[in-house]
């Protein structure tokens, strides 16, 4: 019984460790209001997800567009 509990605990810790890791991506962002450009880094499951997170929004409306670098 102790062996089963030990294996289950190890499996749970492994799943938590793997699920919390997100890769960091660079995104090229263009400001729609001021016309400036910058590079931001953001974590996500993939580059498109990370750049969507990096996009600044006001009341749900994007104020800049970010694309993977």
C-alpha atoms as a PDB file:
ATOM      1  CA  UNK A   1       0.000   0.000   0.000  1.00  0.00           C
ATOM      2  CA  UNK A   2       2.856   2.415   0.816  1.00  0.00           C
ATOM      3  CA  UNK A   3       4.370   1.714  -2.594  1.00  0.00           C
ATOM      4  CA  UNK A   4       1.135   2.656  -4.389  1.00  0.00           C
ATOM      5  CA  UNK A   5       0.823   5.906  -2.419  1.00  0.00           C
ATOM      6  CA  UNK A   6       4.450   6.765  -3.197  1.00  0.00           C
ATOM      7  CA  UNK A   7       3.989   6.163  -6.932  1.00  0.00           C
ATOM      8  CA  UNK A   8       0.732   8.164  -6.969  1.00  0.00           C
ATOM      9  CA  UNK A   9       2.364  11.092  -5.133  1.00  0.00           C
ATOM     10  CA  UNK A  10       5.290  11.059  -7.578  1.00  0.00           C
ATOM     11  CA  UNK A  11       2.882  11.055 -10.540  1.00  0.00           C
ATOM     12  CA  UNK A  12       0.915  14.019  -9.137  1.00  0.00           C
ATOM     13  CA  UNK A  13       4.080  16.052  -8.520  1.00  0.00           C
ATOM     14  CA  UNK A  14       5.272  15.245 -12.046  1.00  0.00           C
ATOM     15  CA  UNK A  15       1.999  16.369 -13.603  1.00  0.00           C
ATOM     16  CA  UNK A  16       2.058  19.640 -11.657  1.00  0.00           C
ATOM     17  CA  UNK A  17       5.660  20.316 -12.649  1.00  0.00           C
ATOM     18  CA  UNK A  18       4.983  19.710 -16.337  1.00  0.00           C
ATOM     19  CA  UNK A  19       1.722  21.611 -16.507  1.00  0.00           C
ATOM     20  CA  UNK A  20       3.101  24.813 -14.972  1.00  0.00           C
ATOM     21  CA  UNK A  21       5.937  25.203 -17.472  1.00  0.00           C
ATOM     22  CA  UNK A  22       5.244  27.590 -20.322  1.00  0.00           C
ATOM     23  CA  UNK A  23       7.769  28.633 -22.913  1.00  0.00           C
ATOM     24  CA  UNK A  24       8.540  32.324 -23.357  1.00  0.00           C
ATOM     25  CA  UNK A  25       8.044  33.784 -26.842  1.00  0.00           C
ATOM     26  CA  UNK A  26       9.019  37.115 -28.412  1.00  0.00           C
ATOM     27  CA  UNK A  27       6.310  39.133 -30.129  1.00  0.00           C
ATOM     28  CA  UNK A  28       6.588  42.102 -32.485  1.00  0.00           C
ATOM     29  CA  UNK A  29       3.925  44.591 -31.375  1.00  0.00           C
ATOM     30  CA  UNK A  30       2.657  47.621 -33.301  1.00  0.00           C
ATOM     31  CA  UNK A  31       0.751  50.320 -31.447  1.00  0.00           C
ATOM     32  CA  UNK A  32      -2.439  51.148 -33.357  1.00  0.00           C
ATOM     33  CA  UNK A  33      -2.906  54.522 -31.671  1.00  0.00           C
ATOM     34  CA  UNK A  34       0.602  55.971 -31.758  1.00  0.00           C
ATOM     35  CA  UNK A  35       2.116  53.982 -34.598  1.00  0.00           C
ATOM     36  CA  UNK A  36       5.145  52.868 -32.547  1.00  0.00           C
ATOM     37  CA  UNK A  37       6.589  49.372 -32.546  1.00  0.00           C
ATOM     38  CA  UNK A  38       8.202  47.290 -29.823  1.00  0.00           C
ATOM     39  CA  UNK A  39       9.175  43.736 -28.959  1.00  0.00           C
ATOM     40  CA  UNK A  40       7.559  42.033 -25.968  1.00  0.00           C
ATOM     41  CA  UNK A  41       8.104  38.622 -24.433  1.00  0.00           C
ATOM     42  CA  UNK A  42       5.232  36.630 -22.993  1.00  0.00           C
ATOM     43  CA  UNK A  43       4.661  33.069 -21.829  1.00  0.00           C
ATOM     44  CA  UNK A  44       2.104  30.806 -23.481  1.00  0.00           C
ATOM     45  CA  UNK A  45       1.377  27.337 -24.799  1.00  0.00           C
ATOM     46  CA  UNK A  46       2.446  28.467 -28.280  1.00  0.00           C
ATOM     47  CA  UNK A  47       3.671  31.650 -29.962  1.00  0.00           C
ATOM     48  CA  UNK A  48       0.226  32.780 -31.116  1.00  0.00           C
ATOM     49  CA  UNK A  49      -1.233  32.311 -27.616  1.00  0.00           C
ATOM     50  CA  UNK A  50       1.676  34.255 -26.079  1.00  0.00           C
ATOM     51  CA  UNK A  51       1.276  37.153 -28.505  1.00  0.00           C
ATOM     52  CA  UNK A  52      -2.470  37.283 -27.866  1.00  0.00           C
ATOM     53  CA  UNK A  53      -1.629  37.666 -24.159  1.00  0.00           C
ATOM     54  CA  UNK A  54       0.902  40.410 -24.963  1.00  0.00           C
ATOM     55  CA  UNK A  55      -1.631  42.444 -26.950  1.00  0.00           C
ATOM     56  CA  UNK A  56      -2.767  45.477 -24.954  1.00  0.00           C
ATOM     57  CA  UNK A  57      -6.535  45.984 -24.863  1.00  0.00           C
ATOM     58  CA  UNK A  58      -8.799  48.723 -23.570  1.00  0.00           C
ATOM     59  CA  UNK A  59     -12.357  47.574 -22.817  1.00  0.00           C
ATOM     60  CA  UNK A  60     -11.699  44.466 -24.911  1.00  0.00           C
ATOM     61  CA  UNK A  61     -10.595  46.436 -27.974  1.00  0.00           C
ATOM     62  CA  UNK A  62      -6.965  45.902 -29.058  1.00  0.00           C
ATOM     63  CA  UNK A  63      -4.789  49.019 -28.906  1.00  0.00           C
ATOM     64  CA  UNK A  64      -1.864  47.174 -30.454  1.00  0.00           C
ATOM     65  CA  UNK A  65      -1.346  44.110 -32.614  1.00  0.00           C
ATOM     66  CA  UNK A  66       1.278  41.524 -31.633  1.00  0.00           C
ATOM     67  CA  UNK A  67       2.589  38.807 -33.947  1.00  0.00           C
ATOM     68  CA  UNK A  68       5.217  36.109 -33.299  1.00  0.00           C
ATOM     69  CA  UNK A  69       8.767  37.280 -33.920  1.00  0.00           C
END
